[in-house]
Amino acid sequence: MPFNEILLKSKKRLLQMHFESGVGHIGGNLSCLDILMVLHHRIMNEPDQFILSKGHSAGAFYITLWSMGKLKDEDLKLFHKEPTKLSGHPAPNWRKEIIFATGSLGHGFSLASGLALAKKLKNDSGRVFCLTSDGEWQEGSNWEALIFSLHQKLESLTLIVDANGLQGFGSTKEVAGMDSLAEKFTSFGMTVEEIDGHDLISIEKALSRDQKGPRVIIARTTKGKGVSFMENKMEWHYRALTEDQYQLAVQDLDKL
């Protein structure tokens, strides 16, 4: 099946999973699903590791694993229900792909930096990828991890920022403006690349580049991408779909 068809099928399955479970956080899942799918289908190899720092987008991660045959429909039907391992935020130690528990303020970049240092000290192959939200960069711990990763020259480490401009209580500019993130990262000495986070070719090219030292990809994305009534709407950080909204959302995806 062509990758674009796999991606569309996965987006529809994401909506179905969230609708059947009555669970929100759909907007942030749709902003990062393109990135996760390209990363896992086109970039990552066996020694590579991935950390989902923006843990409230666990649904997108589960759907990505499902699209690769690593989770079953029976697993997805129990999303956010009892008894399930597919909790609203990733729970570790039951699949090798889910290494750490992360949350809405994930702290995953610190964990990813530790993994990258371990690879360096052990001369292990493989890269470490970490996906954060843009809102997470209002936290001090991430900047400490940035300093650490640069000091340790962690060449295997790639940070991806899902920059959709919205968070739980408004836009990132309203809550605690951090623009320009690119300038801030550059001032610390990071190699920075900004891309369209929904352009599959741009995502793949950016993730494929050779690197010396840790680098960051700022992916400009749209919250609720592909669903007209969700796009750039802060409330879809939380809201769950009604049946009518679910049907409309699937129709929107069919127009892509």
Protein backbone atom coordinates (compact mmCIF):
# COMPACT_ATOMS: atom_id res chain seq x y z
CA MET A 1 0.00 0.00 0.00
CA PRO A 2 1.42 3.47 -0.87
CA PHE A 3 2.54 5.50 2.14
CA ASN A 4 -0.06 8.25 1.56
CA GLU A 5 -2.82 5.63 1.78
CA ILE A 6 -1.33 4.20 4.97
CA LEU A 7 -1.20 7.70 6.43
CA LEU A 8 -4.82 8.49 5.56
CA LYS A 9 -5.97 5.13 6.95
CA SER A 10 -4.05 5.87 10.15
CA LYS A 11 -5.63 9.32 10.54
CA LYS A 12 -9.08 7.81 10.22
CA ARG A 13 -8.21 5.09 12.72
CA LEU A 14 -6.98 7.77 15.13
CA LEU A 15 -10.33 9.54 14.95
CA GLN A 16 -12.20 6.25 15.39
CA MET A 17 -10.12 5.28 18.42
CA HIS A 18 -10.66 8.63 20.14
CA PHE A 19 -14.36 8.72 19.27
CA GLU A 20 -15.05 5.20 20.54
CA SER A 21 -13.18 5.91 23.77
CA GLY A 22 -14.67 9.38 24.29
CA VAL A 23 -11.19 10.84 24.75
CA GLY A 24 -9.89 14.27 23.75
CA HIS A 25 -6.42 15.59 22.87
CA ILE A 26 -7.22 15.01 19.20
CA GLY A 27 -5.88 18.34 17.95
CA GLY A 28 -2.34 17.74 19.18
CA ASN A 29 -2.41 14.19 17.86
CA LEU A 30 -3.24 15.40 14.37
CA SER A 31 -0.54 18.05 14.50
CA CYS A 32 2.20 15.45 15.03
CA LEU A 33 0.93 12.29 13.29
CA ASP A 34 2.59 13.12 9.95
CA ILE A 35 5.93 13.46 11.75
CA LEU A 36 5.56 10.23 13.71
CA MET A 37 4.55 8.24 10.65
CA VAL A 38 7.45 9.47 8.50
CA LEU A 39 9.89 8.95 11.36
CA HIS A 40 8.84 5.37 12.10
CA HIS A 41 8.11 4.19 8.56
CA ARG A 42 10.87 5.98 6.65
CA ILE A 43 13.70 6.89 9.03
CA MET A 44 14.14 4.76 12.12
CA ASN A 45 16.11 1.52 12.12
CA GLU A 46 16.43 -1.23 14.73
CA PRO A 47 19.06 0.48 16.95
CA ASP A 48 17.21 3.82 16.98
CA GLN A 49 15.09 4.99 19.91
CA PHE A 50 12.15 7.39 20.15
CA ILE A 51 10.81 9.37 23.09
CA LEU A 52 7.36 10.98 22.90
CA SER A 53 7.79 13.86 25.31
CA LYS A 54 4.38 15.41 24.54
CA GLY A 55 2.71 12.46 26.19
CA HIS A 56 -0.84 13.71 25.64
CA SER A 57 -0.32 12.74 21.99
CA ALA A 58 -0.01 9.09 22.97
CA GLY A 59 -2.89 8.31 20.61
CA ALA A 60 -0.80 9.31 17.59
CA PHE A 61 2.05 7.13 18.83
CA TYR A 62 -0.24 4.13 19.35
CA ILE A 63 -1.73 4.57 15.88
CA THR A 64 1.75 4.75 14.38
CA LEU A 65 2.65 1.46 16.07
CA TRP A 66 -0.66 -0.01 14.86
CA SER A 67 0.14 1.05 11.29
CA MET A 68 3.37 -0.96 11.55
CA GLY A 69 1.58 -4.06 12.83
CA LYS A 70 2.93 -3.68 16.37
CA LEU A 71 -0.49 -3.09 17.92
CA LYS A 72 -3.79 -4.75 17.01
CA ASP A 73 -7.32 -3.40 16.59
CA GLU A 74 -8.20 -5.20 19.80
CA ASP A 75 -5.58 -3.11 21.59
CA LEU A 76 -6.92 0.16 20.18
CA LYS A 77 -10.49 -0.67 21.22
CA LEU A 78 -9.34 -0.59 24.85
CA PHE A 79 -7.63 2.82 24.53
CA HIS A 80 -8.10 4.73 27.78
CA LYS A 81 -10.33 1.99 29.17
CA GLU A 82 -9.96 -0.78 31.75
CA PRO A 83 -8.04 -3.03 31.45
CA THR A 84 -5.62 -1.47 28.98
CA LYS A 85 -1.97 -0.69 28.49
CA LEU A 86 -2.90 2.11 26.09
CA SER A 87 -3.36 4.84 28.67
CA GLY A 88 -3.88 8.52 27.91
CA HIS A 89 -0.17 9.09 28.42
CA PRO A 90 2.43 6.45 27.49
CA ALA A 91 3.00 3.73 30.07
CA PRO A 92 6.41 2.00 29.77
CA ASN A 93 7.83 -1.50 30.10
CA TRP A 94 5.33 -3.47 28.04
CA ARG A 95 6.60 -2.65 24.55
CA LYS A 96 10.21 -1.90 23.70
CA GLU A 97 9.11 1.12 21.63
CA ILE A 98 7.61 2.82 24.70
CA ILE A 99 10.65 3.43 26.84
CA PHE A 100 9.46 6.00 29.40
CA ALA A 101 6.27 7.36 30.90
CA THR A 102 5.75 10.93 29.76
CA GLY A 103 3.02 13.46 30.31
CA SER A 104 1.57 16.82 29.39
CA LEU A 105 4.81 18.45 30.54
CA GLY A 106 6.74 15.45 29.30
CA HIS A 107 10.35 16.08 30.43
CA GLY A 108 11.23 13.68 27.64
CA PHE A 109 14.15 15.66 26.29
CA SER A 110 16.10 15.08 29.50
CA LEU A 111 15.42 11.35 29.17
CA ALA A 112 16.38 11.34 25.49
CA SER A 113 19.64 13.14 26.33
CA GLY A 114 20.44 10.41 28.84
CA LEU A 115 19.81 7.71 26.24
CA ALA A 116 22.04 9.50 23.75
CA LEU A 117 24.82 9.80 26.33
CA ALA A 118 24.54 6.07 27.07
CA LYS A 119 24.91 5.29 23.37
CA LYS A 120 27.99 7.50 23.21
CA LEU A 121 29.63 5.97 26.27
CA LYS A 122 28.91 2.41 25.08
CA ASN A 123 29.79 3.12 21.44
CA ASP A 124 26.34 1.86 20.48
CA SER A 125 24.93 2.56 17.05
CA GLY A 126 21.61 4.22 16.38
CA ARG A 127 20.01 7.59 16.86
CA VAL A 128 17.74 9.02 19.53
CA PHE A 129 14.72 11.07 18.46
CA CYS A 130 12.61 13.13 20.86
CA LEU A 131 9.34 14.87 19.99
CA THR A 132 8.30 17.75 22.24
CA SER A 133 5.54 20.32 22.04
CA ASP A 134 6.37 23.99 21.71
CA GLY A 135 4.65 24.69 25.04
CA GLU A 136 7.13 22.42 26.82
CA TRP A 137 9.87 24.94 26.10
CA GLN A 138 8.37 27.19 28.74
CA GLU A 139 9.93 24.75 31.23
CA GLY A 140 13.39 25.19 32.70
CA SER A 141 14.27 21.49 32.71
CA ASN A 142 14.30 21.38 28.92
CA TRP A 143 16.87 24.17 28.72
CA GLU A 144 19.04 22.35 31.27
CA ALA A 145 18.84 19.25 29.06
CA LEU A 146 19.77 21.38 26.05
CA ILE A 147 22.89 22.65 27.82
CA PHE A 148 23.75 19.08 28.84
CA SER A 149 23.30 17.68 25.32
CA LEU A 150 25.51 20.35 23.79
CA HIS A 151 28.19 19.99 26.45
CA GLN A 152 28.27 16.22 25.93
CA LYS A 153 28.30 16.61 22.11
CA LEU A 154 25.53 14.06 21.69
CA GLU A 155 25.74 13.48 17.96
CA SER A 156 23.02 10.84 17.89
CA LEU A 157 20.37 13.14 19.39
CA THR A 158 17.66 14.80 17.28
CA LEU A 159 15.04 17.01 18.90
CA ILE A 160 11.79 17.63 17.03
CA VAL A 161 9.49 20.43 18.21
CA ASP A 162 5.82 20.15 17.23
CA ALA A 163 5.23 23.89 16.95
CA ASN A 164 1.48 24.22 16.53
CA GLY A 165 1.29 27.44 18.55
CA LEU A 166 -1.45 26.27 20.94
CA GLN A 167 -1.51 24.74 24.40
CA GLY A 168 -3.98 23.95 27.15
CA PHE A 169 -5.03 27.49 28.08
CA GLY A 170 -4.44 29.48 24.90
CA SER A 171 -1.75 30.20 22.37
CA THR A 172 1.88 29.78 23.36
CA LYS A 173 2.33 33.50 22.75
CA GLU A 174 -0.46 34.33 25.21
CA VAL A 175 0.64 31.91 27.92
CA ALA A 176 4.41 32.53 27.86
CA GLY A 177 5.74 33.74 24.52
CA MET A 178 8.95 31.98 23.41
CA ASP A 179 9.38 33.31 19.88
CA SER A 180 11.70 32.95 18.22
CA LEU A 181 12.51 29.44 19.38
CA ALA A 182 14.90 29.05 16.46
CA GLU A 183 16.92 32.07 17.56
CA LYS A 184 17.04 30.82 21.14
CA PHE A 185 18.22 27.36 20.11
CA THR A 186 20.83 28.87 17.79
CA SER A 187 22.13 31.13 20.55
CA PHE A 188 22.87 28.01 22.61
CA GLY A 189 24.85 26.53 19.71
CA MET A 190 22.27 24.09 18.36
CA THR A 191 22.00 23.33 14.67
CA VAL A 192 18.43 24.37 13.81
CA GLU A 193 16.18 23.65 10.86
CA GLU A 194 12.61 24.89 10.44
CA ILE A 195 10.22 22.90 8.25
CA ASP A 196 6.57 22.49 7.34
CA GLY A 197 5.58 19.71 9.72
CA HIS A 198 2.93 18.40 7.33
CA ASP A 199 5.10 18.27 4.20
CA LEU A 200 6.12 14.61 4.05
CA ILE A 201 9.12 15.24 1.80
CA SER A 202 10.43 18.06 4.01
CA ILE A 203 10.02 15.92 7.12
CA GLU A 204 11.92 13.01 5.59
CA LYS A 205 14.74 15.20 4.27
CA ALA A 206 15.19 16.96 7.60
CA LEU A 207 15.24 13.72 9.59
CA SER A 208 17.69 12.10 7.16
CA ARG A 209 20.42 14.72 7.35
CA ASP A 210 23.84 13.86 8.78
CA GLN A 211 24.66 15.76 11.93
CA LYS A 212 27.55 16.70 14.16
CA GLY A 213 26.33 17.21 17.67
CA PRO A 214 22.67 17.42 18.74
CA ARG A 215 20.28 19.20 16.40
CA VAL A 216 16.72 20.48 16.47
CA ILE A 217 13.99 20.43 13.85
CA ILE A 218 11.22 22.94 14.46
CA ALA A 219 8.17 21.58 12.65
CA ARG A 220 5.55 24.24 12.00
CA THR A 221 2.26 22.38 12.33
CA THR A 222 -1.48 22.96 12.59
CA LYS A 223 -3.42 21.74 15.58
CA GLY A 224 -6.23 19.53 14.30
CA LYS A 225 -4.68 19.32 10.85
CA GLY A 226 -7.03 17.97 8.18
CA VAL A 227 -10.28 18.50 10.11
CA SER A 228 -11.77 21.88 9.20
CA PHE A 229 -13.59 22.59 12.47
CA MET A 230 -10.55 21.58 14.57
CA GLU A 231 -7.75 23.42 12.82
CA ASN A 232 -6.08 26.07 14.99
CA LYS A 233 -8.79 25.76 17.64
CA MET A 234 -7.50 25.65 21.21
CA GLU A 235 -10.54 23.75 22.52
CA TRP A 236 -9.49 20.66 20.55
CA HIS A 237 -6.64 20.30 22.96
CA TYR A 238 -9.30 18.78 25.22
CA ARG A 239 -12.63 18.10 23.50
CA ALA A 240 -13.93 14.68 22.55
CA LEU A 241 -15.91 14.03 19.37
CA THR A 242 -19.67 13.71 19.19
CA GLU A 243 -21.01 11.23 16.62
CA ASP A 244 -21.90 14.02 14.18
CA GLN A 245 -18.47 15.61 14.58
CA TYR A 246 -16.80 12.26 14.05
CA GLN A 247 -18.64 11.74 10.75
CA LEU A 248 -17.76 15.26 9.59
CA ALA A 249 -14.11 14.77 10.55
CA VAL A 250 -13.87 11.55 8.51
CA GLN A 251 -15.45 13.35 5.55
CA ASP A 252 -12.84 16.12 5.84
CA LEU A 253 -10.02 13.58 5.79
CA ASP A 254 -11.49 11.99 2.65
CA LYS A 255 -11.04 15.34 0.90
CA LEU A 256 -7.28 15.41 1.54
